[in-house]
PDB file of N, CA and C in Angstrom:
ATOM      1  N   UNK A   1       0.876  -0.871   0.195  1.00  0.00           N
ATOM      2  CA  UNK A   1      -0.205  -0.115  -0.004  1.00  0.00           C
ATOM      3  C   UNK A   1       0.954   1.297  -0.007  1.00  0.00           C
ATOM      4  N   UNK A   2       1.611   0.937   0.971  1.00  0.00           N
ATOM      5  CA  UNK A   2       3.139   2.491   0.986  1.00  0.00           C
ATOM      6  C   UNK A   2       3.319   2.514  -0.355  1.00  0.00           C
ATOM      7  N   UNK A   3       3.966   1.537  -0.989  1.00  0.00           N
ATOM      8  CA  UNK A   3       4.493   1.543  -2.570  1.00  0.00           C
ATOM      9  C   UNK A   3       3.366   2.405  -3.586  1.00  0.00           C
ATOM     10  N   UNK A   4       2.219   2.196  -3.261  1.00  0.00           N
ATOM     11  CA  UNK A   4       1.111   2.828  -4.241  1.00  0.00           C
ATOM     12  C   UNK A   4       0.832   3.904  -4.300  1.00  0.00           C
ATOM     13  N   UNK A   5       0.937   4.295  -3.100  1.00  0.00           N
ATOM     14  CA  UNK A   5       0.650   5.500  -2.116  1.00  0.00           C
ATOM     15  C   UNK A   5       2.149   6.797  -2.870  1.00  0.00           C
ATOM     16  N   UNK A   6       3.020   5.905  -2.763  1.00  0.00           N
ATOM     17  CA  UNK A   6       4.024   6.886  -3.083  1.00  0.00           C
ATOM     18  C   UNK A   6       4.166   7.028  -4.268  1.00  0.00           C
ATOM     19  N   UNK A   7       4.152   5.787  -5.530  1.00  0.00           N
ATOM     20  CA  UNK A   7       3.816   5.713  -6.954  1.00  0.00           C
ATOM     21  C   UNK A   7       2.932   6.804  -7.281  1.00  0.00           C
ATOM     22  N   UNK A   8       1.385   6.943  -6.299  1.00  0.00           N
ATOM     23  CA  UNK A   8       0.346   7.792  -7.168  1.00  0.00           C
ATOM     24  C   UNK A   8       0.588   9.221  -6.691  1.00  0.00           C
ATOM     25  N   UNK A   9       1.619  10.071  -5.360  1.00  0.00           N
ATOM     26  CA  UNK A   9       2.073  11.007  -5.295  1.00  0.00           C
ATOM     27  C   UNK A   9       3.091  11.377  -5.989  1.00  0.00           C
ATOM     28  N   UNK A  10       4.157  10.407  -6.774  1.00  0.00           N
ATOM     29  CA  UNK A  10       5.211  10.993  -7.326  1.00  0.00           C
ATOM     30  C   UNK A  10       4.234  11.098  -8.953  1.00  0.00           C
ATOM     31  N   UNK A  11       3.544  10.650  -9.165  1.00  0.00           N
ATOM     32  CA  UNK A  11       2.477  11.162 -10.822  1.00  0.00           C
ATOM     33  C   UNK A  11       1.762  12.347 -10.498  1.00  0.00           C
ATOM     34  N   UNK A  12       0.617  12.452  -9.269  1.00  0.00           N
ATOM     35  CA  UNK A  12       0.503  13.816  -9.338  1.00  0.00           C
ATOM     36  C   UNK A  12       1.265  14.468  -8.976  1.00  0.00           C
ATOM     37  N   UNK A  13       2.407  14.856  -8.358  1.00  0.00           N
ATOM     38  CA  UNK A  13       3.472  15.851  -7.909  1.00  0.00           C
ATOM     39  C   UNK A  13       3.800  16.276  -9.424  1.00  0.00           C
ATOM     40  N   UNK A  14       4.612  14.929 -10.444  1.00  0.00           N
ATOM     41  CA  UNK A  14       4.307  15.548 -11.968  1.00  0.00           C
ATOM     42  C   UNK A  14       3.561  16.230 -12.456  1.00  0.00           C
ATOM     43  N   UNK A  15       2.338  16.021 -12.443  1.00  0.00           N
ATOM     44  CA  UNK A  15       1.418  16.199 -13.238  1.00  0.00           C
ATOM     45  C   UNK A  15       0.927  17.570 -12.793  1.00  0.00           C
ATOM     46  N   UNK A  16       1.017  18.014 -11.549  1.00  0.00           N
ATOM     47  CA  UNK A  16       0.793  19.248 -11.052  1.00  0.00           C
ATOM     48  C   UNK A  16       2.081  20.428 -10.945  1.00  0.00           C
ATOM     49  N   UNK A  17       3.701  19.800 -11.364  1.00  0.00           N
ATOM     50  CA  UNK A  17       4.372  20.699 -11.609  1.00  0.00           C
ATOM     51  C   UNK A  17       4.295  20.862 -13.458  1.00  0.00           C
ATOM     52  N   UNK A  18       3.878  19.433 -14.587  1.00  0.00           N
ATOM     53  CA  UNK A  18       3.902  20.560 -15.375  1.00  0.00           C
ATOM     54  C   UNK A  18       2.489  21.213 -16.275  1.00  0.00           C
ATOM     55  N   UNK A  19       1.614  21.059 -15.153  1.00  0.00           N
ATOM     56  CA  UNK A  19       0.671  22.120 -15.689  1.00  0.00           C
ATOM     57  C   UNK A  19       0.324  23.166 -14.758  1.00  0.00           C
ATOM     58  N   UNK A  20       1.185  23.281 -14.088  1.00  0.00           N
ATOM     59  CA  UNK A  20       1.763  24.789 -13.811  1.00  0.00           C
ATOM     60  C   UNK A  20       0.999  26.178 -14.092  1.00  0.00           C
ATOM     61  N   UNK A  21       1.494  26.138 -15.148  1.00  0.00           N
ATOM     62  CA  UNK A  21       1.190  27.114 -16.495  1.00  0.00           C
ATOM     63  C   UNK A  21       0.036  27.234 -16.706  1.00  0.00           C
ATOM     64  N   UNK A  22      -0.965  25.939 -16.852  1.00  0.00           N
ATOM     65  CA  UNK A  22      -2.441  25.907 -16.696  1.00  0.00           C
ATOM     66  C   UNK A  22      -3.335  26.015 -15.445  1.00  0.00           C
ATOM     67  N   UNK A  23      -2.644  25.767 -14.179  1.00  0.00           N
ATOM     68  CA  UNK A  23      -3.287  26.520 -13.162  1.00  0.00           C
ATOM     69  C   UNK A  23      -3.281  27.537 -12.870  1.00  0.00           C
ATOM     70  N   UNK A  24      -1.737  28.296 -13.277  1.00  0.00           N
ATOM     71  CA  UNK A  24      -1.687  29.472 -13.297  1.00  0.00           C
ATOM     72  C   UNK A  24      -2.305  30.440 -13.826  1.00  0.00           C
ATOM     73  N   UNK A  25      -2.781  30.160 -14.604  1.00  0.00           N
ATOM     74  CA  UNK A  25      -3.266  30.680 -16.126  1.00  0.00           C
ATOM     75  C   UNK A  25      -5.440  30.815 -15.100  1.00  0.00           C
ATOM     76  N   UNK A  26      -5.393  29.192 -15.176  1.00  0.00           N
ATOM     77  CA  UNK A  26      -6.653  29.430 -14.232  1.00  0.00           C
ATOM     78  C   UNK A  26      -6.707  30.515 -13.666  1.00  0.00           C
ATOM     79  N   UNK A  27      -6.142  30.410 -12.270  1.00  0.00           N
ATOM     80  CA  UNK A  27      -5.829  31.431 -11.218  1.00  0.00           C
ATOM     81  C   UNK A  27      -6.079  32.994 -11.967  1.00  0.00           C
ATOM     82  N   UNK A  28      -5.306  33.030 -12.341  1.00  0.00           N
ATOM     83  CA  UNK A  28      -5.574  34.399 -12.761  1.00  0.00           C
ATOM     84  C   UNK A  28      -6.629  35.050 -13.798  1.00  0.00           C
ATOM     85  N   UNK A  29      -7.172  33.507 -14.482  1.00  0.00           N
ATOM     86  CA  UNK A  29      -8.665  34.122 -15.020  1.00  0.00           C
ATOM     87  C   UNK A  29     -10.067  34.426 -14.317  1.00  0.00           C
ATOM     88  N   UNK A  30      -9.584  34.008 -12.899  1.00  0.00           N
ATOM     89  CA  UNK A  30     -10.725  34.023 -11.832  1.00  0.00           C
ATOM     90  C   UNK A  30     -10.938  32.585 -11.241  1.00  0.00           C
ATOM     91  N   UNK A  31     -10.215  31.145 -11.509  1.00  0.00           N
ATOM     92  CA  UNK A  31     -10.732  29.959 -10.775  1.00  0.00           C
ATOM     93  C   UNK A  31     -10.497  30.473  -9.642  1.00  0.00           C
ATOM     94  N   UNK A  32     -11.842  29.318  -8.871  1.00  0.00           N
ATOM     95  CA  UNK A  32     -11.657  29.383  -7.346  1.00  0.00           C
ATOM     96  C   UNK A  32     -10.394  28.218  -7.162  1.00  0.00           C
ATOM     97  N   UNK A  33     -10.004  28.345  -6.422  1.00  0.00           N
ATOM     98  CA  UNK A  33      -9.209  27.109  -5.614  1.00  0.00           C
ATOM     99  C   UNK A  33      -9.729  25.976  -4.860  1.00  0.00           C
ATOM    100  N   UNK A  34     -11.295  25.921  -5.232  1.00  0.00           N
ATOM    101  CA  UNK A  34     -11.450  24.974  -5.101  1.00  0.00           C
ATOM    102  C   UNK A  34     -11.804  23.916  -6.530  1.00  0.00           C
ATOM    103  N   UNK A  35     -12.290  24.917  -6.862  1.00  0.00           N
ATOM    104  CA  UNK A  35     -12.266  24.331  -8.343  1.00  0.00           C
ATOM    105  C   UNK A  35     -10.859  23.504  -8.832  1.00  0.00           C
ATOM    106  N   UNK A  36      -9.847  24.209  -8.880  1.00  0.00           N
ATOM    107  CA  UNK A  36      -8.534  23.838  -8.589  1.00  0.00           C
ATOM    108  C   UNK A  36      -7.865  22.381  -7.758  1.00  0.00           C
ATOM    109  N   UNK A  37      -8.402  22.409  -6.482  1.00  0.00           N
ATOM    110  CA  UNK A  37      -8.669  21.542  -5.358  1.00  0.00           C
ATOM    111  C   UNK A  37      -9.306  20.263  -6.720  1.00  0.00           C
ATOM    112  N   UNK A  38     -10.852  20.707  -7.133  1.00  0.00           N
ATOM    113  CA  UNK A  38     -11.624  19.430  -7.451  1.00  0.00           C
ATOM    114  C   UNK A  38     -10.739  19.125  -8.808  1.00  0.00           C
ATOM    115  N   UNK A  39     -10.329  19.713  -9.016  1.00  0.00           N
ATOM    116  CA  UNK A  39      -9.451  19.183 -10.548  1.00  0.00           C
ATOM    117  C   UNK A  39      -8.447  18.405 -10.369  1.00  0.00           C
ATOM    118  N   UNK A  40      -7.106  18.172  -9.205  1.00  0.00           N
ATOM    119  CA  UNK A  40      -6.378  17.828  -8.926  1.00  0.00           C
ATOM    120  C   UNK A  40      -6.776  16.560  -8.137  1.00  0.00           C
ATOM    121  N   UNK A  41      -7.647  16.702  -7.217  1.00  0.00           N
ATOM    122  CA  UNK A  41      -7.985  15.280  -7.034  1.00  0.00           C
ATOM    123  C   UNK A  41      -8.948  14.253  -7.813  1.00  0.00           C
ATOM    124  N   UNK A  42      -9.622  15.354  -8.709  1.00  0.00           N
ATOM    125  CA  UNK A  42     -10.308  14.248  -9.293  1.00  0.00           C
ATOM    126  C   UNK A  42      -9.625  13.444 -10.739  1.00  0.00           C
ATOM    127  N   UNK A  43      -8.632  14.250 -10.534  1.00  0.00           N
ATOM    128  CA  UNK A  43      -7.770  13.194 -11.480  1.00  0.00           C
ATOM    129  C   UNK A  43      -6.664  12.248 -10.282  1.00  0.00           C
ATOM    130  N   UNK A  44      -6.925  12.318  -9.686  1.00  0.00           N
ATOM    131  CA  UNK A  44      -6.075  11.187  -9.068  1.00  0.00           C
ATOM    132  C   UNK A  44      -7.389  10.298  -8.085  1.00  0.00           C
ATOM    133  N   UNK A  45      -7.979  10.326  -8.323  1.00  0.00           N
ATOM    134  CA  UNK A  45      -9.081   9.883  -7.525  1.00  0.00           C
ATOM    135  C   UNK A  45      -9.566   8.743  -9.478  1.00  0.00           C
ATOM    136  N   UNK A  46      -9.265   9.475  -9.897  1.00  0.00           N
ATOM    137  CA  UNK A  46     -10.407   8.898 -11.283  1.00  0.00           C
ATOM    138  C   UNK A  46      -8.807   7.183 -11.390  1.00  0.00           C
ATOM    139  N   UNK A  47      -7.706   7.970 -11.630  1.00  0.00           N
ATOM    140  CA  UNK A  47      -6.680   6.817 -11.436  1.00  0.00           C
ATOM    141  C   UNK A  47      -6.226   5.715 -10.462  1.00  0.00           C
ATOM    142  N   UNK A  48      -6.604   6.027  -9.342  1.00  0.00           N
ATOM    143  CA  UNK A  48      -6.865   5.424  -8.371  1.00  0.00           C
ATOM    144  C   UNK A  48      -8.151   4.523  -8.568  1.00  0.00           C
ATOM    145  N   UNK A  49      -9.736   5.188  -8.842  1.00  0.00           N
ATOM    146  CA  UNK A  49     -10.658   4.087  -8.786  1.00  0.00           C
ATOM    147  C   UNK A  49     -10.126   3.326 -10.411  1.00  0.00           C
ATOM    148  N   UNK A  50      -9.606   3.613 -11.343  1.00  0.00           N
ATOM    149  CA  UNK A  50      -9.057   2.720 -12.479  1.00  0.00           C
ATOM    150  C   UNK A  50      -8.441   1.052 -11.774  1.00  0.00           C
ATOM    151  N   UNK A  51      -7.241   1.641 -11.068  1.00  0.00           N
ATOM    152  CA  UNK A  51      -6.498   1.204 -10.320  1.00  0.00           C
ATOM    153  C   UNK A  51      -7.063  -0.099  -9.606  1.00  0.00           C
ATOM    154  N   UNK A  52      -7.825   0.372  -8.673  1.00  0.00           N
ATOM    155  CA  UNK A  52      -9.157  -0.110  -8.044  1.00  0.00           C
ATOM    156  C   UNK A  52      -9.799  -1.534  -8.670  1.00  0.00           C
ATOM    157  N   UNK A  53     -10.486  -0.659  -9.925  1.00  0.00           N
ATOM    158  CA  UNK A  53     -11.279  -1.534 -11.363  1.00  0.00           C
ATOM    159  C   UNK A  53     -10.705  -2.865 -11.419  1.00  0.00           C
ATOM    160  N   UNK A  54      -9.131  -2.354 -11.739  1.00  0.00           N
ATOM    161  CA  UNK A  54      -8.633  -3.373 -12.089  1.00  0.00           C
ATOM    162  C   UNK A  54      -8.017  -5.015 -11.352  1.00  0.00           C
ATOM    163  N   UNK A  55      -7.288  -4.525 -10.013  1.00  0.00           N
ATOM    164  CA  UNK A  55      -7.391  -4.765  -8.422  1.00  0.00           C
ATOM    165  C   UNK A  55      -8.080  -6.246  -8.995  1.00  0.00           C
ATOM    166  N   UNK A  56      -9.952  -5.798  -8.800  1.00  0.00           N
ATOM    167  CA  UNK A  56     -10.912  -6.222  -7.905  1.00  0.00           C
ATOM    168  C   UNK A  56     -11.165  -6.960  -9.125  1.00  0.00           C
ATOM    169  N   UNK A  57     -10.807  -6.890 -10.536  1.00  0.00           N
ATOM    170  CA  UNK A  57     -11.225  -7.218 -11.389  1.00  0.00           C
ATOM    171  C   UNK A  57      -9.828  -8.811 -11.443  1.00  0.00           C
ATOM    172  N   UNK A  58      -8.895  -8.814 -10.700  1.00  0.00           N
ATOM    173  CA  UNK A  58      -7.855  -9.705 -10.878  1.00  0.00           C
ATOM    174  C   UNK A  58      -7.942 -10.506 -10.007  1.00  0.00           C
ATOM    175  N   UNK A  59      -8.338 -10.232  -8.787  1.00  0.00           N
ATOM    176  CA  UNK A  59      -8.275 -10.516  -7.691  1.00  0.00           C
ATOM    177  C   UNK A  59      -9.652 -11.883  -7.998  1.00  0.00           C
ATOM    178  N   UNK A  60     -10.970 -11.013  -8.500  1.00  0.00           N
ATOM    179  CA  UNK A  60     -12.084 -12.181  -8.688  1.00  0.00           C
ATOM    180  C   UNK A  60     -11.591 -13.350  -9.529  1.00  0.00           C
ATOM    181  N   UNK A  61     -10.966 -12.792 -10.884  1.00  0.00           N
ATOM    182  CA  UNK A  61     -10.257 -14.131 -11.953  1.00  0.00           C
ATOM    183  C   UNK A  61      -9.329 -14.764 -11.156  1.00  0.00           C
ATOM    184  N   UNK A  62      -8.444 -14.520  -9.678  1.00  0.00           N
ATOM    185  CA  UNK A  62      -7.333 -15.268  -9.163  1.00  0.00           C
ATOM    186  C   UNK A  62      -8.059 -15.887  -7.812  1.00  0.00           C
ATOM    187  N   UNK A  63      -9.191 -16.010  -8.405  1.00  0.00           N
ATOM    188  CA  UNK A  63      -9.992 -16.688  -7.048  1.00  0.00           C
ATOM    189  C   UNK A  63      -9.189 -18.130  -6.315  1.00  0.00           C
ATOM    190  N   UNK A  64      -9.589 -18.862  -7.440  1.00  0.00           N
ATOM    191  CA  UNK A  64      -8.815 -20.168  -7.238  1.00  0.00           C
ATOM    192  C   UNK A  64      -7.265 -20.493  -6.760  1.00  0.00           C
ATOM    193  N   UNK A  65      -6.644 -20.124  -7.520  1.00  0.00           N
ATOM    194  CA  UNK A  65      -5.141 -19.463  -6.816  1.00  0.00           C
ATOM    195  C   UNK A  65      -5.104 -19.474  -5.486  1.00  0.00           C
ATOM    196  N   UNK A  66      -6.303 -17.937  -5.319  1.00  0.00           N
ATOM    197  CA  UNK A  66      -6.241 -17.263  -4.110  1.00  0.00           C
ATOM    198  C   UNK A  66      -6.630 -18.597  -2.731  1.00  0.00           C
ATOM    199  N   UNK A  67      -7.773 -19.004  -3.440  1.00  0.00           N
ATOM    200  CA  UNK A  67      -8.498 -19.822  -2.433  1.00  0.00           C
ATOM    201  C   UNK A  67      -7.580 -21.129  -1.622  1.00  0.00           C
ATOM    202  N   UNK A  68      -6.168 -21.518  -3.006  1.00  0.00           N
ATOM    203  CA  UNK A  68      -5.742 -22.662  -1.807  1.00  0.00           C
ATOM    204  C   UNK A  68      -4.802 -22.034  -1.484  1.00  0.00           C
ATOM    205  N   UNK A  69      -4.605 -20.698  -1.150  1.00  0.00           N
ATOM    206  CA  UNK A  69      -3.173 -19.808  -0.318  1.00  0.00           C
ATOM    207  C   UNK A  69      -4.704 -19.611   0.959  1.00  0.00           C
ATOM    208  N   UNK A  70      -5.498 -19.545   0.883  1.00  0.00           N
ATOM    209  CA  UNK A  70      -6.018 -18.703   2.194  1.00  0.00           C
ATOM    210  C   UNK A  70      -6.421 -19.936   3.172  1.00  0.00           C
ATOM    211  N   UNK A  71      -6.670 -20.077   4.412  1.00  0.00           N
ATOM    212  CA  UNK A  71      -6.767 -20.573   5.373  1.00  0.00           C
ATOM    213  C   UNK A  71      -8.289 -20.640   6.112  1.00  0.00           C
ATOM    214  N   UNK A  72      -9.521 -21.569   5.774  1.00  0.00           N
ATOM    215  CA  UNK A  72     -10.905 -21.316   6.478  1.00  0.00           C
ATOM    216  C   UNK A  72     -11.085 -19.620   6.326  1.00  0.00           C
ATOM    217  N   UNK A  73     -10.734 -18.859   4.853  1.00  0.00           N
ATOM    218  CA  UNK A  73     -11.585 -18.219   4.106  1.00  0.00           C
ATOM    219  C   UNK A  73     -11.726 -18.062   2.866  1.00  0.00           C
ATOM    220  N   UNK A  74     -13.087 -16.866   2.670  1.00  0.00           N
ATOM    221  CA  UNK A  74     -13.022 -16.975   1.313  1.00  0.00           C
ATOM    222  C   UNK A  74     -12.605 -15.539   0.274  1.00  0.00           C
ATOM    223  N   UNK A  75     -11.933 -16.703  -0.492  1.00  0.00           N
ATOM    224  CA  UNK A  75     -11.230 -15.762  -1.480  1.00  0.00           C
ATOM    225  C   UNK A  75     -12.472 -14.325  -1.971  1.00  0.00           C
ATOM    226  N   UNK A  76     -13.157 -14.699  -2.142  1.00  0.00           N
ATOM    227  CA  UNK A  76     -14.273 -13.639  -2.726  1.00  0.00           C
ATOM    228  C   UNK A  76     -14.910 -12.648  -1.670  1.00  0.00           C
ATOM    229  N   UNK A  77     -14.528 -12.548  -0.558  1.00  0.00           N
ATOM    230  CA  UNK A  77     -15.384 -12.205   0.878  1.00  0.00           C
ATOM    231  C   UNK A  77     -15.286 -10.647  -0.140  1.00  0.00           C
ATOM    232  N   UNK A  78     -16.662  -9.628   0.087  1.00  0.00           N
ATOM    233  CA  UNK A  78     -17.184  -8.636  -0.329  1.00  0.00           C
ATOM    234  C   UNK A  78     -16.439  -7.687   0.767  1.00  0.00           C
ATOM    235  N   UNK A  79     -16.620  -8.184   1.820  1.00  0.00           N
ATOM    236  CA  UNK A  79     -16.058  -7.302   2.983  1.00  0.00           C
ATOM    237  C   UNK A  79     -14.936  -6.590   2.667  1.00  0.00           C
ATOM    238  N   UNK A  80     -14.181  -8.365   2.542  1.00  0.00           N
ATOM    239  CA  UNK A  80     -12.278  -7.461   2.399  1.00  0.00           C
ATOM    240  C   UNK A  80     -12.642  -6.790   0.937  1.00  0.00           C
ATOM    241  N   UNK A  81     -12.599  -6.643   0.299  1.00  0.00           N
ATOM    242  CA  UNK A  81     -12.922  -6.512  -1.290  1.00  0.00           C
ATOM    243  C   UNK A  81     -12.983  -4.988  -1.166  1.00  0.00           C
ATOM    244  N   UNK A  82     -14.262  -4.661  -0.167  1.00  0.00           N
ATOM    245  CA  UNK A  82     -14.654  -3.329  -0.095  1.00  0.00           C
ATOM    246  C   UNK A  82     -13.646  -2.580   0.956  1.00  0.00           C
ATOM    247  N   UNK A  83     -13.315  -3.872   1.514  1.00  0.00           N
ATOM    248  CA  UNK A  83     -11.870  -2.721   2.710  1.00  0.00           C
ATOM    249  C   UNK A  83     -11.241  -2.285   2.303  1.00  0.00           C
ATOM    250  N   UNK A  84     -10.658  -3.136   1.141  1.00  0.00           N
ATOM    251  CA  UNK A  84      -9.269  -3.289   0.395  1.00  0.00           C
ATOM    252  C   UNK A  84      -9.047  -2.196  -0.696  1.00  0.00           C
ATOM    253  N   UNK A  85     -10.150  -1.739  -1.577  1.00  0.00           N
ATOM    254  CA  UNK A  85     -10.648  -0.193  -2.289  1.00  0.00           C
ATOM    255  C   UNK A  85     -10.943   0.688  -1.342  1.00  0.00           C
ATOM    256  N   UNK A  86     -11.736   0.680  -0.172  1.00  0.00           N
ATOM    257  CA  UNK A  86     -11.117   2.042   1.015  1.00  0.00           C
ATOM    258  C   UNK A  86      -9.946   2.527   1.583  1.00  0.00           C
ATOM    259  N   UNK A  87      -9.311   1.700   1.500  1.00  0.00           N
ATOM    260  CA  UNK A  87      -8.151   1.436   1.966  1.00  0.00           C
ATOM    261  C   UNK A  87      -6.957   2.625   0.747  1.00  0.00           C
ATOM    262  N   UNK A  88      -7.176   1.797  -0.712  1.00  0.00           N
ATOM    263  CA  UNK A  88      -6.447   2.260  -1.650  1.00  0.00           C
ATOM    264  C   UNK A  88      -7.653   3.624  -1.485  1.00  0.00           C
ATOM    265  N   UNK A  89      -8.308   4.197  -1.767  1.00  0.00           N
ATOM    266  CA  UNK A  89      -8.794   5.329  -2.052  1.00  0.00           C
ATOM    267  C   UNK A  89      -8.242   6.591  -1.066  1.00  0.00           C
ATOM    268  N   UNK A  90      -8.336   6.069   0.278  1.00  0.00           N
ATOM    269  CA  UNK A  90      -7.934   7.080   1.511  1.00  0.00           C
ATOM    270  C   UNK A  90      -6.471   6.691   1.309  1.00  0.00           C
ATOM    271  N   UNK A  91      -5.810   6.218   1.048  1.00  0.00           N
ATOM    272  CA  UNK A  91      -4.104   6.474   0.404  1.00  0.00           C
ATOM    273  C   UNK A  91      -4.242   7.268  -0.888  1.00  0.00           C
ATOM    274  N   UNK A  92      -5.025   6.785  -1.536  1.00  0.00           N
ATOM    275  CA  UNK A  92      -4.646   8.360  -2.611  1.00  0.00           C
ATOM    276  C   UNK A  92      -4.926   9.469  -2.224  1.00  0.00           C
ATOM    277  N   UNK A  93      -6.011   9.305  -1.270  1.00  0.00           N
ATOM    278  CA  UNK A  93      -6.545  11.113  -1.071  1.00  0.00           C
ATOM    279  C   UNK A  93      -5.199  11.557   0.173  1.00  0.00           C
ATOM    280  N   UNK A  94      -4.826  10.810   0.755  1.00  0.00           N
ATOM    281  CA  UNK A  94      -3.649  10.976   1.485  1.00  0.00           C
ATOM    282  C   UNK A  94      -2.267  11.548   0.254  1.00  0.00           C
ATOM    283  N   UNK A  95      -2.390  10.694  -0.676  1.00  0.00           N
ATOM    284  CA  UNK A  95      -1.496  10.852  -2.370  1.00  0.00           C
ATOM    285  C   UNK A  95      -1.659  12.402  -2.064  1.00  0.00           C
ATOM    286  N   UNK A  96      -2.942  13.101  -2.787  1.00  0.00           N
ATOM    287  CA  UNK A  96      -2.807  13.877  -3.956  1.00  0.00           C
ATOM    288  C   UNK A  96      -2.886  15.205  -2.857  1.00  0.00           C
ATOM    289  N   UNK A  97      -2.983  14.882  -1.488  1.00  0.00           N
ATOM    290  CA  UNK A  97      -3.162  16.363  -0.631  1.00  0.00           C
ATOM    291  C   UNK A  97      -1.745  17.153  -0.701  1.00  0.00           C
ATOM    292  N   UNK A  98      -1.125  16.801  -0.283  1.00  0.00           N
ATOM    293  CA  UNK A  98       0.244  17.728  -0.605  1.00  0.00           C
ATOM    294  C   UNK A  98       0.487  18.308  -2.466  1.00  0.00           C
ATOM    295  N   UNK A  99       0.337  17.853  -3.606  1.00  0.00           N
ATOM    296  CA  UNK A  99       0.042  18.210  -4.935  1.00  0.00           C
ATOM    297  C   UNK A  99      -1.081  19.552  -5.017  1.00  0.00           C
ATOM    298  N   UNK A 100      -2.448  18.972  -4.073  1.00  0.00           N
ATOM    299  CA  UNK A 100      -3.017  20.113  -4.130  1.00  0.00           C
ATOM    300  C   UNK A 100      -2.691  21.094  -3.969  1.00  0.00           C
ATOM    301  N   UNK A 101      -2.444  21.111  -2.858  1.00  0.00           N
ATOM    302  CA  UNK A 101      -1.700  22.541  -1.793  1.00  0.00           C
ATOM    303  C   UNK A 101      -0.792  23.004  -2.525  1.00  0.00           C
ATOM    304  N   UNK A 102       0.223  22.329  -3.597  1.00  0.00           N
ATOM    305  CA  UNK A 102       1.204  23.069  -4.275  1.00  0.00           C
ATOM    306  C   UNK A 102       0.461  23.319  -5.352  1.00  0.00           C
ATOM    307  N   UNK A 103      -0.778  23.108  -5.744  1.00  0.00           N
ATOM    308  CA  UNK A 103      -1.788  23.831  -7.132  1.00  0.00           C
ATOM    309  C   UNK A 103      -1.796  24.864  -6.610  1.00  0.00           C
ATOM    310  N   UNK A 104      -2.897  24.901  -5.083  1.00  0.00           N
ATOM    311  CA  UNK A 104      -3.540  25.917  -4.593  1.00  0.00           C
ATOM    312  C   UNK A 104      -3.005  27.127  -3.781  1.00  0.00           C
ATOM    313  N   UNK A 105      -1.934  26.580  -3.898  1.00  0.00           N
ATOM    314  CA  UNK A 105      -1.509  28.372  -2.882  1.00  0.00           C
ATOM    315  C   UNK A 105      -0.189  28.880  -4.477  1.00  0.00           C
ATOM    316  N   UNK A 106      -0.320  28.295  -5.851  1.00  0.00           N
ATOM    317  CA  UNK A 106       0.501  28.720  -6.855  1.00  0.00           C
ATOM    318  C   UNK A 106       0.346  29.923  -7.249  1.00  0.00           C
ATOM    319  N   UNK A 107       1.195  31.169  -7.382  1.00  0.00           N
ATOM    320  CA  UNK A 107       1.475  32.594  -7.690  1.00  0.00           C
ATOM    321  C   UNK A 107       0.965  33.261  -9.079  1.00  0.00           C
ATOM    322  N   UNK A 108      -0.073  33.223  -9.059  1.00  0.00           N
ATOM    323  CA  UNK A 108      -0.497  33.181 -11.393  1.00  0.00           C
ATOM    324  C   UNK A 108       0.302  34.320 -11.538  1.00  0.00           C
ATOM    325  N   UNK A 109       0.883  35.517 -10.867  1.00  0.00           N
ATOM    326  CA  UNK A 109       1.587  36.098 -11.028  1.00  0.00           C
ATOM    327  C   UNK A 109       2.745  36.039 -11.491  1.00  0.00           C
ATOM    328  N   UNK A 110       3.752  35.493 -10.709  1.00  0.00           N
ATOM    329  CA  UNK A 110       5.434  34.488 -10.805  1.00  0.00           C
ATOM    330  C   UNK A 110       5.706  34.123 -11.911  1.00  0.00           C
ATOM    331  N   UNK A 111       4.189  33.279 -12.320  1.00  0.00           N
ATOM    332  CA  UNK A 111       4.637  32.496 -13.144  1.00  0.00           C
ATOM    333  C   UNK A 111       4.030  32.401 -14.572  1.00  0.00           C
ATOM    334  N   UNK A 112       3.315  33.868 -14.521  1.00  0.00           N
ATOM    335  CA  UNK A 112       2.800  34.123 -15.878  1.00  0.00           C
ATOM    336  C   UNK A 112       4.158  35.292 -16.530  1.00  0.00           C
ATOM    337  N   UNK A 113       4.688  35.761 -15.449  1.00  0.00           N
ATOM    338  CA  UNK A 113       6.003  36.629 -15.613  1.00  0.00           C
ATOM    339  C   UNK A 113       6.790  35.692 -15.903  1.00  0.00           C
ATOM    340  N   UNK A 114       6.928  34.467 -15.649  1.00  0.00           N
ATOM    341  CA  UNK A 114       8.282  33.521 -16.417  1.00  0.00           C
ATOM    342  C   UNK A 114       8.138  33.712 -17.952  1.00  0.00           C
ATOM    343  N   UNK A 115       6.624  33.804 -18.164  1.00  0.00           N
ATOM    344  CA  UNK A 115       6.566  33.400 -19.510  1.00  0.00           C
ATOM    345  C   UNK A 115       7.707  34.304 -20.589  1.00  0.00           C
TER     346      UNK A 115
END
C-alpha cells in the first residue's frame, strides 16, 4: 500500500508540476481555488478508481489460486474487497493532498512573468 501511495504521489506531483502554467492561468482568470482542488483530486481519484477496478477484477479472476493460499477464508469475501478498495482510496486521498496544496498556493503573477 505504501508503494502504491508513493507512486501515486509521484505521478500527481509531476502532473501538477507540468501543469503549473495552466493552473496559474486558471487562477489569473478567476478560477476558484476549490475548482483547482477538485481538478487535481479528480485526476488522482480517477487513477485510483481505475487501479481499484483492475485490482478487484484481477482478484476475482484469480480466486482459485488465492483460495488455495487462504485457510478458512473465502477469497471472494465482499467485506475484504470493499475494505481494500476503501483503504486504497484513502491512500490516494493522502497522496494527492500535498500536490493539491502546491497547486492551490500557486502564485499566478510569478508564473505569468516567467513566460
